[in-house]
């Protein structure tokens, strides 16, 4: 599976550390680690796998991903963000649009 900027990934095979891809240059990735104070780590593409694929396989095989984390929808948003972080790079910035609406200039010509 192709790994893109903003994707959540599993780093390494044994430690199951989760990171978010911030940059990609060829086969090298810069991954932000929410579980390590948002430190950035340079890793090779061959050192990571897609979090979605990993979770799919864990659910299919009925194995645990991590203690205390539900793969069937019982975890809260706060628990998921704590475990996986979130990509702020893909969040829309609505401040400009809200300012336009409040000023009455949005859609009025």
N, C-alpha and C. Protein backbone atom coordinates (compact mmCIF):
# COMPACT_ATOMS: atom_id res chain seq x y z
N UNK A 1 0.84 -1.18 0.00
CA UNK A 1 0.00 0.00 0.00
C UNK A 1 0.88 1.24 0.00
N UNK A 2 0.49 2.22 -0.76
CA UNK A 2 1.25 3.47 -0.84
C UNK A 2 1.05 4.30 0.42
N UNK A 3 2.14 4.84 0.93
CA UNK A 3 2.11 5.68 2.13
C UNK A 3 2.27 7.13 1.68
N UNK A 4 1.32 7.98 2.08
CA UNK A 4 1.31 9.39 1.69
C UNK A 4 1.43 10.30 2.91
N UNK A 5 1.72 11.56 2.67
CA UNK A 5 1.78 12.56 3.73
C UNK A 5 0.43 12.60 4.45
N UNK A 6 0.46 12.60 5.77
CA UNK A 6 -0.76 12.62 6.57
C UNK A 6 -1.25 11.25 6.98
N UNK A 7 -0.69 10.19 6.40
CA UNK A 7 -1.10 8.83 6.74
C UNK A 7 -0.57 8.42 8.11
N UNK A 8 -1.35 7.62 8.81
CA UNK A 8 -0.91 7.03 10.07
C UNK A 8 -0.23 5.70 9.76
N UNK A 9 0.90 5.47 10.42
CA UNK A 9 1.69 4.28 10.14
C UNK A 9 2.14 3.62 11.43
N UNK A 10 2.47 2.33 11.31
CA UNK A 10 3.11 1.58 12.38
C UNK A 10 4.59 1.56 12.07
N UNK A 11 5.42 1.95 13.05
CA UNK A 11 6.87 2.00 12.85
C UNK A 11 7.48 0.74 13.44
N UNK A 12 8.27 0.05 12.65
CA UNK A 12 8.92 -1.18 13.11
C UNK A 12 7.94 -2.33 13.19
N UNK A 13 8.43 -3.48 13.57
CA UNK A 13 7.56 -4.65 13.60
C UNK A 13 7.20 -5.08 15.02
N UNK A 14 8.07 -4.84 15.98
CA UNK A 14 7.81 -5.34 17.32
C UNK A 14 7.22 -4.35 18.29
N UNK A 15 7.60 -3.09 18.19
CA UNK A 15 7.19 -2.14 19.22
C UNK A 15 5.83 -1.50 18.98
N UNK A 16 5.30 -1.61 17.77
CA UNK A 16 3.98 -1.08 17.43
C UNK A 16 3.83 0.40 17.75
N UNK A 17 4.85 1.18 17.50
CA UNK A 17 4.76 2.62 17.68
C UNK A 17 3.98 3.21 16.50
N UNK A 18 3.11 4.15 16.80
CA UNK A 18 2.28 4.78 15.78
C UNK A 18 2.83 6.16 15.48
N UNK A 19 2.86 6.52 14.20
CA UNK A 19 3.30 7.84 13.80
C UNK A 19 2.48 8.36 12.64
N UNK A 20 2.64 9.65 12.37
CA UNK A 20 1.94 10.30 11.26
C UNK A 20 3.00 10.84 10.30
N UNK A 21 2.88 10.47 9.04
CA UNK A 21 3.86 10.89 8.04
C UNK A 21 3.71 12.38 7.77
N UNK A 22 4.79 13.11 7.99
CA UNK A 22 4.78 14.56 7.73
C UNK A 22 5.42 14.91 6.40
N UNK A 23 6.47 14.19 6.04
CA UNK A 23 7.14 14.44 4.76
C UNK A 23 7.62 13.13 4.18
N UNK A 24 7.74 13.16 2.86
CA UNK A 24 8.27 11.98 2.16
C UNK A 24 9.23 12.46 1.08
N UNK A 25 10.38 11.83 1.02
CA UNK A 25 11.35 12.12 -0.02
C UNK A 25 11.91 10.79 -0.50
N UNK A 26 11.40 10.33 -1.63
CA UNK A 26 11.80 9.03 -2.12
C UNK A 26 11.36 7.94 -1.16
N UNK A 27 12.32 7.18 -0.66
CA UNK A 27 12.01 6.10 0.29
C UNK A 27 12.24 6.50 1.75
N UNK A 28 12.48 7.79 1.99
CA UNK A 28 12.68 8.27 3.35
C UNK A 28 11.44 9.06 3.80
N UNK A 29 11.02 8.81 5.05
CA UNK A 29 9.86 9.48 5.61
C UNK A 29 10.26 10.23 6.87
N UNK A 30 9.59 11.35 7.12
CA UNK A 30 9.68 12.02 8.41
C UNK A 30 8.34 11.75 9.08
N UNK A 31 8.39 11.07 10.23
CA UNK A 31 7.19 10.63 10.93
C UNK A 31 7.13 11.31 12.29
N UNK A 32 5.96 11.91 12.60
CA UNK A 32 5.74 12.53 13.91
C UNK A 32 5.16 11.48 14.84
N UNK A 33 5.73 11.38 16.05
CA UNK A 33 5.32 10.36 17.02
C UNK A 33 4.51 10.99 18.15
N UNK A 34 3.17 10.93 18.10
CA UNK A 34 2.34 11.50 19.17
C UNK A 34 2.63 10.88 20.54
N UNK A 35 3.02 9.61 20.57
CA UNK A 35 3.28 8.94 21.83
C UNK A 35 4.64 9.31 22.43
N UNK A 36 5.44 10.07 21.69
CA UNK A 36 6.77 10.46 22.16
C UNK A 36 6.93 11.98 22.13
N UNK A 37 5.88 12.68 22.55
CA UNK A 37 5.95 14.14 22.61
C UNK A 37 6.03 14.81 21.25
N UNK A 38 5.47 14.17 20.24
CA UNK A 38 5.46 14.69 18.86
C UNK A 38 6.85 14.85 18.27
N UNK A 39 7.80 14.05 18.74
CA UNK A 39 9.15 14.06 18.16
C UNK A 39 9.08 13.55 16.73
N UNK A 40 9.95 14.09 15.89
CA UNK A 40 10.04 13.63 14.52
C UNK A 40 11.13 12.58 14.40
N UNK A 41 10.85 11.58 13.59
CA UNK A 41 11.78 10.48 13.40
C UNK A 41 11.95 10.25 11.90
N UNK A 42 13.18 10.11 11.45
CA UNK A 42 13.46 9.80 10.05
C UNK A 42 13.52 8.28 9.93
N UNK A 43 12.67 7.73 9.06
CA UNK A 43 12.62 6.28 8.89
C UNK A 43 12.54 5.95 7.41
N UNK A 44 12.98 4.76 7.07
CA UNK A 44 12.86 4.28 5.70
C UNK A 44 11.45 3.77 5.44
N UNK A 45 11.01 3.85 4.21
CA UNK A 45 9.68 3.38 3.84
C UNK A 45 9.51 1.90 4.19
N UNK A 46 10.57 1.13 4.09
CA UNK A 46 10.49 -0.30 4.39
C UNK A 46 10.36 -0.58 5.89
N UNK A 47 10.48 0.45 6.74
CA UNK A 47 10.37 0.29 8.19
C UNK A 47 8.96 0.56 8.70
N UNK A 48 8.04 0.95 7.83
CA UNK A 48 6.69 1.29 8.27
C UNK A 48 5.65 0.49 7.50
N UNK A 49 4.48 0.38 8.10
CA UNK A 49 3.34 -0.21 7.41
C UNK A 49 2.11 0.64 7.73
N UNK A 50 1.14 0.58 6.87
CA UNK A 50 -0.07 1.36 7.04
C UNK A 50 -0.82 0.94 8.30
N UNK A 51 -1.21 1.91 9.13
CA UNK A 51 -1.97 1.62 10.33
C UNK A 51 -3.31 0.98 9.97
N UNK A 52 -3.96 1.46 8.92
CA UNK A 52 -5.26 0.92 8.51
C UNK A 52 -5.14 -0.56 8.15
N UNK A 53 -4.11 -0.91 7.40
CA UNK A 53 -3.91 -2.32 7.04
C UNK A 53 -3.62 -3.17 8.27
N UNK A 54 -2.80 -2.64 9.16
CA UNK A 54 -2.45 -3.35 10.37
C UNK A 54 -3.69 -3.62 11.22
N UNK A 55 -4.54 -2.59 11.38
CA UNK A 55 -5.76 -2.74 12.18
C UNK A 55 -6.74 -3.69 11.51
N UNK A 56 -6.85 -3.63 10.18
CA UNK A 56 -7.72 -4.54 9.45
C UNK A 56 -7.30 -5.99 9.69
N UNK A 57 -6.02 -6.24 9.59
CA UNK A 57 -5.50 -7.59 9.79
C UNK A 57 -5.74 -8.05 11.22
N UNK A 58 -5.51 -7.17 12.20
CA UNK A 58 -5.72 -7.52 13.60
C UNK A 58 -7.19 -7.87 13.85
N UNK A 59 -8.08 -7.08 13.29
CA UNK A 59 -9.51 -7.34 13.48
C UNK A 59 -9.91 -8.64 12.79
N UNK A 60 -9.44 -8.84 11.59
CA UNK A 60 -9.77 -10.04 10.82
C UNK A 60 -9.29 -11.30 11.54
N UNK A 61 -8.09 -11.23 12.12
CA UNK A 61 -7.52 -12.38 12.82
C UNK A 61 -7.94 -12.45 14.29
N UNK A 62 -8.77 -11.50 14.71
CA UNK A 62 -9.26 -11.41 16.09
C UNK A 62 -8.13 -11.35 17.10
N UNK A 63 -7.09 -10.58 16.76
CA UNK A 63 -5.99 -10.35 17.69
C UNK A 63 -6.08 -8.92 18.19
N UNK A 64 -5.47 -8.67 19.32
CA UNK A 64 -5.50 -7.32 19.89
C UNK A 64 -4.48 -6.43 19.21
N UNK A 65 -4.88 -5.19 19.01
CA UNK A 65 -3.91 -4.20 18.52
C UNK A 65 -3.13 -3.68 19.71
N UNK A 66 -3.84 -3.26 20.74
CA UNK A 66 -3.24 -2.69 21.94
C UNK A 66 -4.24 -2.86 23.08
N UNK A 67 -3.79 -3.18 24.27
CA UNK A 67 -4.70 -3.33 25.40
C UNK A 67 -5.46 -2.04 25.65
N UNK A 68 -6.75 -2.18 25.92
CA UNK A 68 -7.57 -1.02 26.24
C UNK A 68 -8.09 -0.27 25.03
N UNK A 69 -7.81 -0.75 23.83
CA UNK A 69 -8.25 -0.07 22.62
C UNK A 69 -9.15 -1.00 21.82
N UNK A 70 -10.37 -0.54 21.56
CA UNK A 70 -11.35 -1.36 20.86
C UNK A 70 -11.25 -1.16 19.36
N UNK A 71 -11.29 -2.26 18.62
CA UNK A 71 -11.32 -2.20 17.16
C UNK A 71 -12.72 -2.39 16.63
N UNK A 72 -13.70 -2.41 17.52
CA UNK A 72 -15.09 -2.60 17.10
C UNK A 72 -15.97 -1.41 17.46
N UNK A 73 -15.37 -0.25 17.69
CA UNK A 73 -16.13 0.97 17.89
C UNK A 73 -16.43 1.35 19.32
N UNK A 74 -15.83 0.68 20.29
CA UNK A 74 -16.10 0.99 21.69
C UNK A 74 -15.16 2.03 22.29
N UNK A 75 -14.11 2.41 21.58
CA UNK A 75 -13.17 3.41 22.08
C UNK A 75 -13.70 4.82 21.82
N UNK A 76 -13.38 5.74 22.73
CA UNK A 76 -13.80 7.13 22.55
C UNK A 76 -12.83 7.85 21.62
N UNK A 77 -13.26 8.99 21.12
CA UNK A 77 -12.39 9.80 20.27
C UNK A 77 -11.12 10.19 21.02
N UNK A 78 -11.24 10.53 22.29
CA UNK A 78 -10.07 10.92 23.08
C UNK A 78 -9.08 9.77 23.19
N UNK A 79 -9.57 8.54 23.36
CA UNK A 79 -8.69 7.38 23.44
C UNK A 79 -7.97 7.14 22.11
N UNK A 80 -8.70 7.32 21.01
CA UNK A 80 -8.10 7.12 19.69
C UNK A 80 -7.05 8.19 19.40
N UNK A 81 -7.34 9.45 19.73
CA UNK A 81 -6.36 10.53 19.50
C UNK A 81 -5.13 10.31 20.37
N UNK A 82 -5.34 9.87 21.61
CA UNK A 82 -4.20 9.61 22.49
C UNK A 82 -3.31 8.51 21.91
N UNK A 83 -3.93 7.48 21.34
CA UNK A 83 -3.16 6.36 20.81
C UNK A 83 -2.52 6.68 19.46
N UNK A 84 -3.25 7.40 18.60
CA UNK A 84 -2.82 7.57 17.23
C UNK A 84 -2.47 8.99 16.84
N UNK A 85 -2.80 9.98 17.65
CA UNK A 85 -2.58 11.37 17.27
C UNK A 85 -3.55 11.76 16.17
N UNK A 86 -3.29 12.88 15.53
CA UNK A 86 -4.11 13.32 14.41
C UNK A 86 -3.28 14.20 13.51
N UNK A 87 -3.64 14.24 12.26
CA UNK A 87 -2.88 15.00 11.28
C UNK A 87 -3.47 16.40 11.17
N UNK A 88 -2.72 17.39 11.64
CA UNK A 88 -3.21 18.77 11.55
C UNK A 88 -2.98 19.34 10.16
N UNK A 89 -2.15 18.71 9.36
CA UNK A 89 -1.85 19.20 8.03
C UNK A 89 -3.01 19.11 7.06
N UNK A 90 -3.96 18.24 7.33
CA UNK A 90 -5.08 18.07 6.42
C UNK A 90 -6.37 18.66 6.95
N UNK A 91 -6.31 19.35 8.08
CA UNK A 91 -7.51 19.96 8.63
C UNK A 91 -7.78 21.29 7.93
N UNK A 92 -9.02 21.52 7.50
CA UNK A 92 -9.31 22.77 6.80
C UNK A 92 -9.23 23.97 7.75
N UNK A 93 -8.86 25.09 7.21
CA UNK A 93 -8.78 26.32 7.99
C UNK A 93 -10.02 27.15 7.66
N UNK A 94 -10.95 27.20 8.60
CA UNK A 94 -12.22 27.89 8.38
C UNK A 94 -12.21 29.33 8.88
N UNK A 95 -11.12 29.79 9.42
CA UNK A 95 -11.10 31.14 9.99
C UNK A 95 -11.38 32.20 8.93
N UNK A 96 -10.81 32.06 7.76
CA UNK A 96 -11.04 33.04 6.70
C UNK A 96 -12.48 33.05 6.25
N UNK A 97 -13.06 31.88 6.05
CA UNK A 97 -14.46 31.79 5.61
C UNK A 97 -15.40 32.33 6.67
N UNK A 98 -15.13 32.04 7.95
CA UNK A 98 -15.99 32.55 9.02
C UNK A 98 -15.92 34.06 9.09
N UNK A 99 -14.74 34.62 8.90
CA UNK A 99 -14.60 36.07 8.90
C UNK A 99 -15.37 36.71 7.76
N UNK A 100 -15.36 36.08 6.58
CA UNK A 100 -16.12 36.58 5.44
C UNK A 100 -17.61 36.58 5.73
N UNK A 101 -18.09 35.49 6.34
CA UNK A 101 -19.52 35.39 6.65
C UNK A 101 -19.91 36.45 7.66
N UNK A 102 -19.11 36.62 8.70
CA UNK A 102 -19.42 37.60 9.73
C UNK A 102 -19.39 39.02 9.17
N UNK A 103 -18.53 39.26 8.21
CA UNK A 103 -18.42 40.60 7.61
C UNK A 103 -19.50 40.83 6.57
N UNK A 104 -20.24 39.76 6.21
CA UNK A 104 -21.31 39.90 5.23
C UNK A 104 -20.84 39.92 3.80
N UNK A 105 -19.58 39.57 3.54
CA UNK A 105 -19.07 39.63 2.18
C UNK A 105 -19.08 38.28 1.49
N UNK A 106 -19.49 37.23 2.18
CA UNK A 106 -19.46 35.88 1.60
C UNK A 106 -20.74 35.65 0.80
N UNK A 107 -20.60 35.48 -0.50
CA UNK A 107 -21.74 35.18 -1.35
C UNK A 107 -22.53 36.39 -1.80
N UNK A 108 -22.21 37.57 -1.33
CA UNK A 108 -22.96 38.78 -1.73
C UNK A 108 -22.15 39.52 -2.78
N UNK A 109 -22.77 39.72 -3.93
CA UNK A 109 -22.08 40.45 -4.99
C UNK A 109 -22.94 41.57 -5.48
